[in-house]
C-alpha cells in the first residue's frame, strides 16, 4: 500500500546550526530515521526541526523530539521547531512541547 506522502528527512549543517527538514508522516515506522538524523546534528549548537512539510506525528515522533531536546540541553545547545499544520501543532501542544521549546510558524522566525 503506497502512502499519500512519502517520508523524507534531510540534515543541513551551517556553522554551529543544524536544520532538519522532515517531509511526510513521522510515526513508529519512520521515527528511527528522524532519530538518526538528529543524532547527526551538533547538540551543542542550534538545532531546528522544520515540520512544515510534515502532516502527521505520533507518540514515537514525540519521543524522538524529546530525546533530541534532552541531548541538546545536556550539551549546552538548543532546539526549536517550525510547524504550521494545525494537526501537527495540536499534537505538539497536547504533548506539552509548546511550553518546552520554541515553535515557530516559519523558518525565518528561527534566526
C-alpha atoms as a PDB file:
ATOM      1  CA  UNK A   1       0.000   0.000   0.000  1.00  0.00           C
ATOM      2  CA  UNK A   2       1.550   3.314  -1.080  1.00  0.00           C
ATOM      3  CA  UNK A   3       1.466   6.317   1.199  1.00  0.00           C
ATOM      4  CA  UNK A   4      -0.007   9.592   0.038  1.00  0.00           C
ATOM      5  CA  UNK A   5       3.076  11.439   1.297  1.00  0.00           C
ATOM      6  CA  UNK A   6       6.371   9.618   1.278  1.00  0.00           C
ATOM      7  CA  UNK A   7       8.642  10.255   4.247  1.00  0.00           C
ATOM      8  CA  UNK A   8      11.981  12.007   3.888  1.00  0.00           C
ATOM      9  CA  UNK A   9      14.374  13.663   6.307  1.00  0.00           C
ATOM     10  CA  UNK A  10      17.351  15.835   5.383  1.00  0.00           C
ATOM     11  CA  UNK A  11      20.014  17.436   7.549  1.00  0.00           C
ATOM     12  CA  UNK A  12      21.778  20.644   6.566  1.00  0.00           C
ATOM     13  CA  UNK A  13      24.683  21.936   8.660  1.00  0.00           C
ATOM     14  CA  UNK A  14      25.515  25.647   8.634  1.00  0.00           C
ATOM     15  CA  UNK A  15      28.238  26.585  11.098  1.00  0.00           C
ATOM     16  CA  UNK A  16      27.071  25.528  14.553  1.00  0.00           C
ATOM     17  CA  UNK A  17      23.448  25.272  13.397  1.00  0.00           C
ATOM     18  CA  UNK A  18      21.619  22.233  12.050  1.00  0.00           C
ATOM     19  CA  UNK A  19      18.434  22.264  10.032  1.00  0.00           C
ATOM     20  CA  UNK A  20      16.484  19.005   9.948  1.00  0.00           C
ATOM     21  CA  UNK A  21      13.785  19.071   7.244  1.00  0.00           C
ATOM     22  CA  UNK A  22      11.005  16.493   7.562  1.00  0.00           C
ATOM     23  CA  UNK A  23       8.525  15.586   4.813  1.00  0.00           C
ATOM     24  CA  UNK A  24       5.544  13.277   5.281  1.00  0.00           C
ATOM     25  CA  UNK A  25       4.418  11.340   8.321  1.00  0.00           C
ATOM     26  CA  UNK A  26       6.577  10.686  11.384  1.00  0.00           C
ATOM     27  CA  UNK A  27       5.276   7.536  13.019  1.00  0.00           C
ATOM     28  CA  UNK A  28       6.578   4.313  14.521  1.00  0.00           C
ATOM     29  CA  UNK A  29       7.913   3.194  11.116  1.00  0.00           C
ATOM     30  CA  UNK A  30       9.711   6.452  10.225  1.00  0.00           C
ATOM     31  CA  UNK A  31      10.718   7.846  13.615  1.00  0.00           C
ATOM     32  CA  UNK A  32      14.022   5.874  13.623  1.00  0.00           C
ATOM     33  CA  UNK A  33      15.032   7.854  10.513  1.00  0.00           C
ATOM     34  CA  UNK A  34      14.298  11.136  12.301  1.00  0.00           C
ATOM     35  CA  UNK A  35      16.202   9.896  15.336  1.00  0.00           C
ATOM     36  CA  UNK A  36      19.202   9.020  13.170  1.00  0.00           C
ATOM     37  CA  UNK A  37      19.086  12.452  11.541  1.00  0.00           C
ATOM     38  CA  UNK A  38      19.009  14.194  14.922  1.00  0.00           C
ATOM     39  CA  UNK A  39      21.975  12.128  16.102  1.00  0.00           C
ATOM     40  CA  UNK A  40      23.977  13.566  13.173  1.00  0.00           C
ATOM     41  CA  UNK A  41      23.398  17.151  14.340  1.00  0.00           C
ATOM     42  CA  UNK A  42      25.645  19.172  16.652  1.00  0.00           C
ATOM     43  CA  UNK A  43      23.869  19.080  20.018  1.00  0.00           C
ATOM     44  CA  UNK A  44      25.985  21.950  21.358  1.00  0.00           C
ATOM     45  CA  UNK A  45      24.647  24.284  18.654  1.00  0.00           C
ATOM     46  CA  UNK A  46      21.238  25.329  17.434  1.00  0.00           C
ATOM     47  CA  UNK A  47      19.042  22.532  16.049  1.00  0.00           C
ATOM     48  CA  UNK A  48      15.916  23.459  14.103  1.00  0.00           C
ATOM     49  CA  UNK A  49      13.431  20.776  13.058  1.00  0.00           C
ATOM     50  CA  UNK A  50      11.372  22.012  10.126  1.00  0.00           C
ATOM     51  CA  UNK A  51       7.993  20.242  10.182  1.00  0.00           C
ATOM     52  CA  UNK A  52       6.259  22.497   7.641  1.00  0.00           C
ATOM     53  CA  UNK A  53       6.031  19.591   5.170  1.00  0.00           C
ATOM     54  CA  UNK A  54       5.085  17.087   7.870  1.00  0.00           C
ATOM     55  CA  UNK A  55       1.418  16.166   8.020  1.00  0.00           C
ATOM     56  CA  UNK A  56       1.336  13.672  10.896  1.00  0.00           C
ATOM     57  CA  UNK A  57       3.159  12.986  14.179  1.00  0.00           C
ATOM     58  CA  UNK A  58       2.530  10.164  16.620  1.00  0.00           C
ATOM     59  CA  UNK A  59       3.888   9.375  20.070  1.00  0.00           C
ATOM     60  CA  UNK A  60       7.031   7.799  18.584  1.00  0.00           C
ATOM     61  CA  UNK A  61       7.820  11.130  16.913  1.00  0.00           C
ATOM     62  CA  UNK A  62       7.257  12.989  20.171  1.00  0.00           C
ATOM     63  CA  UNK A  63       9.634  10.599  21.960  1.00  0.00           C
ATOM     64  CA  UNK A  64      12.326  11.252  19.333  1.00  0.00           C
ATOM     65  CA  UNK A  65      11.883  15.021  19.615  1.00  0.00           C
ATOM     66  CA  UNK A  66      12.017  14.873  23.430  1.00  0.00           C
ATOM     67  CA  UNK A  67      15.197  12.773  23.260  1.00  0.00           C
ATOM     68  CA  UNK A  68      16.672  15.359  20.884  1.00  0.00           C
ATOM     69  CA  UNK A  69      15.735  18.198  23.232  1.00  0.00           C
ATOM     70  CA  UNK A  70      17.426  16.435  26.163  1.00  0.00           C
ATOM     71  CA  UNK A  71      20.533  15.761  24.039  1.00  0.00           C
ATOM     72  CA  UNK A  72      20.788  19.435  23.059  1.00  0.00           C
ATOM     73  CA  UNK A  73      20.132  20.730  26.569  1.00  0.00           C
ATOM     74  CA  UNK A  74      22.766  18.451  28.113  1.00  0.00           C
ATOM     75  CA  UNK A  75      25.345  19.649  25.555  1.00  0.00           C
ATOM     76  CA  UNK A  76      24.526  23.337  26.044  1.00  0.00           C
ATOM     77  CA  UNK A  77      22.691  23.701  22.742  1.00  0.00           C
ATOM     78  CA  UNK A  78      19.118  24.490  21.855  1.00  0.00           C
ATOM     79  CA  UNK A  79      16.317  23.095  19.737  1.00  0.00           C
ATOM     80  CA  UNK A  80      13.315  24.710  18.123  1.00  0.00           C
ATOM     81  CA  UNK A  81      10.566  23.548  15.798  1.00  0.00           C
ATOM     82  CA  UNK A  82       8.929  25.046  12.734  1.00  0.00           C
ATOM     83  CA  UNK A  83       5.362  23.872  12.167  1.00  0.00           C
ATOM     84  CA  UNK A  84       2.307  25.337  10.508  1.00  0.00           C
ATOM     85  CA  UNK A  85      -0.124  22.417  10.016  1.00  0.00           C
ATOM     86  CA  UNK A  86      -2.875  22.746  12.665  1.00  0.00           C
ATOM     87  CA  UNK A  87      -2.938  18.954  13.182  1.00  0.00           C
ATOM     88  CA  UNK A  88       0.807  18.829  13.843  1.00  0.00           C
ATOM     89  CA  UNK A  89       0.615  21.887  16.093  1.00  0.00           C
ATOM     90  CA  UNK A  90      -2.193  20.247  18.071  1.00  0.00           C
ATOM     91  CA  UNK A  91      -0.112  17.111  18.692  1.00  0.00           C
ATOM     92  CA  UNK A  92       2.836  19.267  19.816  1.00  0.00           C
ATOM     93  CA  UNK A  93       0.517  21.187  22.132  1.00  0.00           C
ATOM     94  CA  UNK A  94      -1.046  18.040  23.612  1.00  0.00           C
ATOM     95  CA  UNK A  95       2.455  16.661  24.251  1.00  0.00           C
ATOM     96  CA  UNK A  96       3.412  19.896  26.026  1.00  0.00           C
ATOM     97  CA  UNK A  97       6.234  20.742  23.635  1.00  0.00           C
ATOM     98  CA  UNK A  98       4.864  24.248  23.082  1.00  0.00           C
ATOM     99  CA  UNK A  99       5.820  25.012  26.692  1.00  0.00           C
ATOM    100  CA  UNK A 100       9.206  23.309  26.470  1.00  0.00           C
ATOM    101  CA  UNK A 101      10.829  24.728  23.303  1.00  0.00           C
ATOM    102  CA  UNK A 102      10.074  27.491  20.796  1.00  0.00           C
ATOM    103  CA  UNK A 103       7.687  26.558  17.980  1.00  0.00           C
ATOM    104  CA  UNK A 104       7.674  28.928  15.012  1.00  0.00           C
ATOM    105  CA  UNK A 105       5.327  29.214  12.046  1.00  0.00           C
ATOM    106  CA  UNK A 106       8.159  29.901   9.568  1.00  0.00           C
ATOM    107  CA  UNK A 107      11.884  29.173   9.367  1.00  0.00           C
ATOM    108  CA  UNK A 108      12.691  32.892   9.119  1.00  0.00           C
ATOM    109  CA  UNK A 109      11.412  33.263  12.687  1.00  0.00           C
ATOM    110  CA  UNK A 110      14.151  30.933  13.996  1.00  0.00           C
ATOM    111  CA  UNK A 111      17.000  33.304  13.088  1.00  0.00           C
END
